[in-house]
């Protein structure tokens, strides 16, 4: 884990720790939102592909590709 150094004029250690915790939670929330947005876009693309592939009977291939891609995405974000 990285060590964050926050300089506050006249600030005490409690304020620095409080700011550090707020910054860490801000970064976590930002990453979580980014992941949810990207994953929801990916889900939408998958369902559009499934609907289109039903006409061509390629649902098994699309499903396999989707499962592999989800594994890759989850491994990247964790």
N, C-alpha and C. Protein backbone atom coordinates (compact mmCIF):
# COMPACT_ATOMS: atom_id res chain seq x y z
N UNK A 1 0.84 -1.17 0.00
CA UNK A 1 0.00 0.00 0.00
C UNK A 1 0.89 1.23 0.00
N UNK A 2 0.47 2.23 -0.75
CA UNK A 2 1.24 3.46 -0.86
C UNK A 2 1.10 4.29 0.40
N UNK A 3 2.14 5.03 0.70
CA UNK A 3 2.10 5.94 1.84
C UNK A 3 1.82 7.33 1.30
N UNK A 4 0.73 7.93 1.74
CA UNK A 4 0.36 9.27 1.30
C UNK A 4 0.85 10.28 2.32
N UNK A 5 1.50 11.32 1.83
CA UNK A 5 1.94 12.38 2.72
C UNK A 5 1.13 13.62 2.39
N UNK A 6 0.40 14.08 3.36
CA UNK A 6 -0.45 15.25 3.19
C UNK A 6 0.08 16.33 4.12
N UNK A 7 0.40 17.49 3.55
CA UNK A 7 0.92 18.59 4.36
C UNK A 7 -0.19 19.60 4.58
N UNK A 8 -0.44 19.89 5.82
CA UNK A 8 -1.44 20.88 6.19
C UNK A 8 -0.75 21.88 7.12
N UNK A 9 -0.88 23.17 6.78
CA UNK A 9 -0.30 24.19 7.65
C UNK A 9 -1.07 24.22 8.95
N UNK A 10 -0.38 23.99 10.02
CA UNK A 10 -1.02 24.04 11.33
C UNK A 10 -1.96 22.88 11.59
N UNK A 11 -1.98 21.87 10.71
CA UNK A 11 -2.88 20.74 10.89
C UNK A 11 -2.28 19.70 11.80
N UNK A 12 -3.14 18.92 12.40
CA UNK A 12 -2.64 17.86 13.27
C UNK A 12 -2.72 16.51 12.56
N UNK A 13 -2.28 15.49 13.24
CA UNK A 13 -2.22 14.15 12.65
C UNK A 13 -3.61 13.61 12.37
N UNK A 14 -4.58 13.92 13.21
CA UNK A 14 -5.94 13.42 13.01
C UNK A 14 -6.54 13.97 11.72
N UNK A 15 -6.29 15.25 11.43
CA UNK A 15 -6.80 15.83 10.18
C UNK A 15 -6.15 15.16 8.97
N UNK A 16 -4.86 14.88 9.08
CA UNK A 16 -4.16 14.23 7.99
C UNK A 16 -4.71 12.82 7.75
N UNK A 17 -4.93 12.07 8.82
CA UNK A 17 -5.49 10.72 8.69
C UNK A 17 -6.90 10.77 8.12
N UNK A 18 -7.67 11.76 8.55
CA UNK A 18 -9.04 11.91 8.05
C UNK A 18 -9.03 12.20 6.55
N UNK A 19 -8.16 13.12 6.12
CA UNK A 19 -8.05 13.42 4.70
C UNK A 19 -7.56 12.22 3.90
N UNK A 20 -6.65 11.46 4.48
CA UNK A 20 -6.14 10.27 3.80
C UNK A 20 -7.26 9.24 3.59
N UNK A 21 -8.06 9.02 4.62
CA UNK A 21 -9.18 8.08 4.51
C UNK A 21 -10.21 8.56 3.49
N UNK A 22 -10.49 9.86 3.48
CA UNK A 22 -11.43 10.40 2.50
C UNK A 22 -10.91 10.22 1.08
N UNK A 23 -9.61 10.45 0.90
CA UNK A 23 -9.01 10.29 -0.43
C UNK A 23 -9.07 8.84 -0.89
N UNK A 24 -8.76 7.92 0.00
CA UNK A 24 -8.81 6.49 -0.35
C UNK A 24 -10.23 6.06 -0.70
N UNK A 25 -11.21 6.51 0.08
CA UNK A 25 -12.60 6.15 -0.23
C UNK A 25 -13.05 6.80 -1.53
N UNK A 26 -12.57 8.01 -1.83
CA UNK A 26 -12.90 8.67 -3.09
C UNK A 26 -12.37 7.87 -4.28
N UNK A 27 -11.13 7.41 -4.18
CA UNK A 27 -10.53 6.62 -5.26
C UNK A 27 -11.27 5.29 -5.43
N UNK A 28 -11.62 4.64 -4.32
CA UNK A 28 -12.36 3.37 -4.41
C UNK A 28 -13.71 3.57 -5.07
N UNK A 29 -14.43 4.63 -4.68
CA UNK A 29 -15.73 4.90 -5.28
C UNK A 29 -15.61 5.22 -6.76
N UNK A 30 -14.57 5.95 -7.11
CA UNK A 30 -14.36 6.30 -8.51
C UNK A 30 -14.10 5.04 -9.34
N UNK A 31 -13.27 4.13 -8.82
CA UNK A 31 -13.00 2.87 -9.53
C UNK A 31 -14.26 2.02 -9.64
N UNK A 32 -15.04 1.99 -8.56
CA UNK A 32 -16.28 1.20 -8.55
C UNK A 32 -17.26 1.72 -9.60
N UNK A 33 -17.40 3.05 -9.68
CA UNK A 33 -18.31 3.64 -10.67
C UNK A 33 -17.83 3.34 -12.08
N UNK A 34 -16.53 3.46 -12.31
CA UNK A 34 -15.98 3.18 -13.63
C UNK A 34 -16.24 1.73 -14.02
N UNK A 35 -16.02 0.82 -13.09
CA UNK A 35 -16.26 -0.59 -13.37
C UNK A 35 -17.73 -0.85 -13.69
N UNK A 36 -18.64 -0.27 -12.90
CA UNK A 36 -20.06 -0.49 -13.12
C UNK A 36 -20.51 0.07 -14.47
N UNK A 37 -19.99 1.24 -14.83
CA UNK A 37 -20.36 1.83 -16.12
C UNK A 37 -19.86 0.95 -17.27
N UNK A 38 -18.59 0.55 -17.20
CA UNK A 38 -18.04 -0.29 -18.27
C UNK A 38 -18.74 -1.64 -18.34
N UNK A 39 -19.04 -2.21 -17.18
CA UNK A 39 -19.69 -3.51 -17.17
C UNK A 39 -21.12 -3.43 -17.70
N UNK A 40 -21.83 -2.35 -17.37
CA UNK A 40 -23.20 -2.20 -17.88
C UNK A 40 -23.20 -1.99 -19.39
N UNK A 41 -22.22 -1.24 -19.91
CA UNK A 41 -22.10 -1.09 -21.36
C UNK A 41 -21.82 -2.44 -22.01
N UNK A 42 -20.95 -3.21 -21.37
CA UNK A 42 -20.62 -4.52 -21.91
C UNK A 42 -21.85 -5.44 -21.89
N UNK A 43 -22.62 -5.38 -20.82
CA UNK A 43 -23.85 -6.19 -20.74
C UNK A 43 -24.82 -5.82 -21.85
N UNK A 44 -24.97 -4.53 -22.09
CA UNK A 44 -25.86 -4.07 -23.15
C UNK A 44 -25.38 -4.57 -24.50
N UNK A 45 -24.09 -4.50 -24.75
CA UNK A 45 -23.54 -5.01 -26.01
C UNK A 45 -23.79 -6.51 -26.13
N UNK A 46 -23.65 -7.22 -25.03
CA UNK A 46 -23.88 -8.66 -25.07
C UNK A 46 -25.33 -8.99 -25.43
N UNK A 47 -26.27 -8.31 -24.79
CA UNK A 47 -27.67 -8.62 -25.07
C UNK A 47 -28.07 -8.23 -26.48
N UNK A 48 -27.53 -7.16 -27.00
CA UNK A 48 -27.79 -6.80 -28.40
C UNK A 48 -27.22 -7.88 -29.32
N UNK A 49 -26.03 -8.35 -29.00
CA UNK A 49 -25.42 -9.41 -29.80
C UNK A 49 -26.23 -10.70 -29.73
N UNK A 50 -26.74 -11.02 -28.56
CA UNK A 50 -27.56 -12.23 -28.41
C UNK A 50 -28.83 -12.12 -29.24
N UNK A 51 -29.48 -10.97 -29.18
CA UNK A 51 -30.71 -10.79 -29.96
C UNK A 51 -30.43 -10.92 -31.44
N UNK A 52 -29.33 -10.33 -31.89
CA UNK A 52 -28.98 -10.44 -33.30
C UNK A 52 -28.57 -11.86 -33.67
N UNK A 53 -27.90 -12.54 -32.77
CA UNK A 53 -27.41 -13.87 -33.10
C UNK A 53 -28.51 -14.93 -33.04
N UNK A 54 -29.61 -14.62 -32.39
CA UNK A 54 -30.72 -15.59 -32.38
C UNK A 54 -31.22 -15.85 -33.80
N UNK A 55 -31.12 -14.83 -34.63
CA UNK A 55 -31.54 -15.01 -36.02
C UNK A 55 -30.60 -15.94 -36.77
N UNK A 56 -29.33 -15.97 -36.36
CA UNK A 56 -28.34 -16.77 -37.07
C UNK A 56 -27.95 -18.04 -36.32
N UNK A 57 -28.60 -18.29 -35.21
CA UNK A 57 -28.36 -19.49 -34.39
C UNK A 57 -26.90 -19.62 -33.98
N UNK A 58 -26.33 -18.52 -33.52
CA UNK A 58 -24.94 -18.53 -33.05
C UNK A 58 -24.87 -18.28 -31.55
N UNK A 59 -25.95 -18.56 -30.85
CA UNK A 59 -26.02 -18.22 -29.43
C UNK A 59 -24.94 -18.92 -28.62
N UNK A 60 -24.59 -20.15 -28.95
CA UNK A 60 -23.57 -20.87 -28.17
C UNK A 60 -22.20 -20.23 -28.31
N UNK A 61 -21.85 -19.85 -29.52
CA UNK A 61 -20.55 -19.21 -29.74
C UNK A 61 -20.49 -17.87 -29.02
N UNK A 62 -21.55 -17.09 -29.14
CA UNK A 62 -21.60 -15.78 -28.50
C UNK A 62 -21.51 -15.93 -26.99
N UNK A 63 -22.21 -16.92 -26.45
CA UNK A 63 -22.20 -17.13 -25.01
C UNK A 63 -20.80 -17.52 -24.52
N UNK A 64 -20.12 -18.37 -25.25
CA UNK A 64 -18.76 -18.75 -24.87
C UNK A 64 -17.81 -17.56 -24.90
N UNK A 65 -17.91 -16.76 -25.95
CA UNK A 65 -17.06 -15.57 -26.04
C UNK A 65 -17.37 -14.62 -24.89
N UNK A 66 -18.64 -14.46 -24.58
CA UNK A 66 -19.04 -13.57 -23.48
C UNK A 66 -18.46 -14.05 -22.15
N UNK A 67 -18.54 -15.34 -21.87
CA UNK A 67 -18.02 -15.87 -20.61
C UNK A 67 -16.52 -15.66 -20.51
N UNK A 68 -15.80 -15.88 -21.59
CA UNK A 68 -14.36 -15.67 -21.57
C UNK A 68 -14.03 -14.20 -21.34
N UNK A 69 -14.77 -13.30 -21.99
CA UNK A 69 -14.51 -11.87 -21.83
C UNK A 69 -14.83 -11.40 -20.43
N UNK A 70 -15.88 -11.92 -19.83
CA UNK A 70 -16.22 -11.52 -18.46
C UNK A 70 -15.11 -11.95 -17.51
N UNK A 71 -14.57 -13.15 -17.70
CA UNK A 71 -13.45 -13.60 -16.86
C UNK A 71 -12.25 -12.67 -16.99
N UNK A 72 -11.98 -12.25 -18.22
CA UNK A 72 -10.85 -11.34 -18.44
C UNK A 72 -11.11 -9.99 -17.78
N UNK A 73 -12.32 -9.46 -17.93
CA UNK A 73 -12.66 -8.15 -17.34
C UNK A 73 -12.58 -8.22 -15.83
N UNK A 74 -13.12 -9.26 -15.24
CA UNK A 74 -13.09 -9.39 -13.78
C UNK A 74 -11.66 -9.52 -13.28
N UNK A 75 -10.82 -10.26 -13.99
CA UNK A 75 -9.43 -10.40 -13.56
C UNK A 75 -8.67 -9.09 -13.69
N UNK A 76 -9.03 -8.24 -14.64
CA UNK A 76 -8.37 -6.95 -14.79
C UNK A 76 -8.74 -6.03 -13.64
N UNK A 77 -10.00 -6.01 -13.25
CA UNK A 77 -10.47 -5.06 -12.24
C UNK A 77 -10.28 -5.53 -10.81
N UNK A 78 -9.78 -6.75 -10.62
CA UNK A 78 -9.56 -7.20 -9.24
C UNK A 78 -8.09 -7.38 -8.97
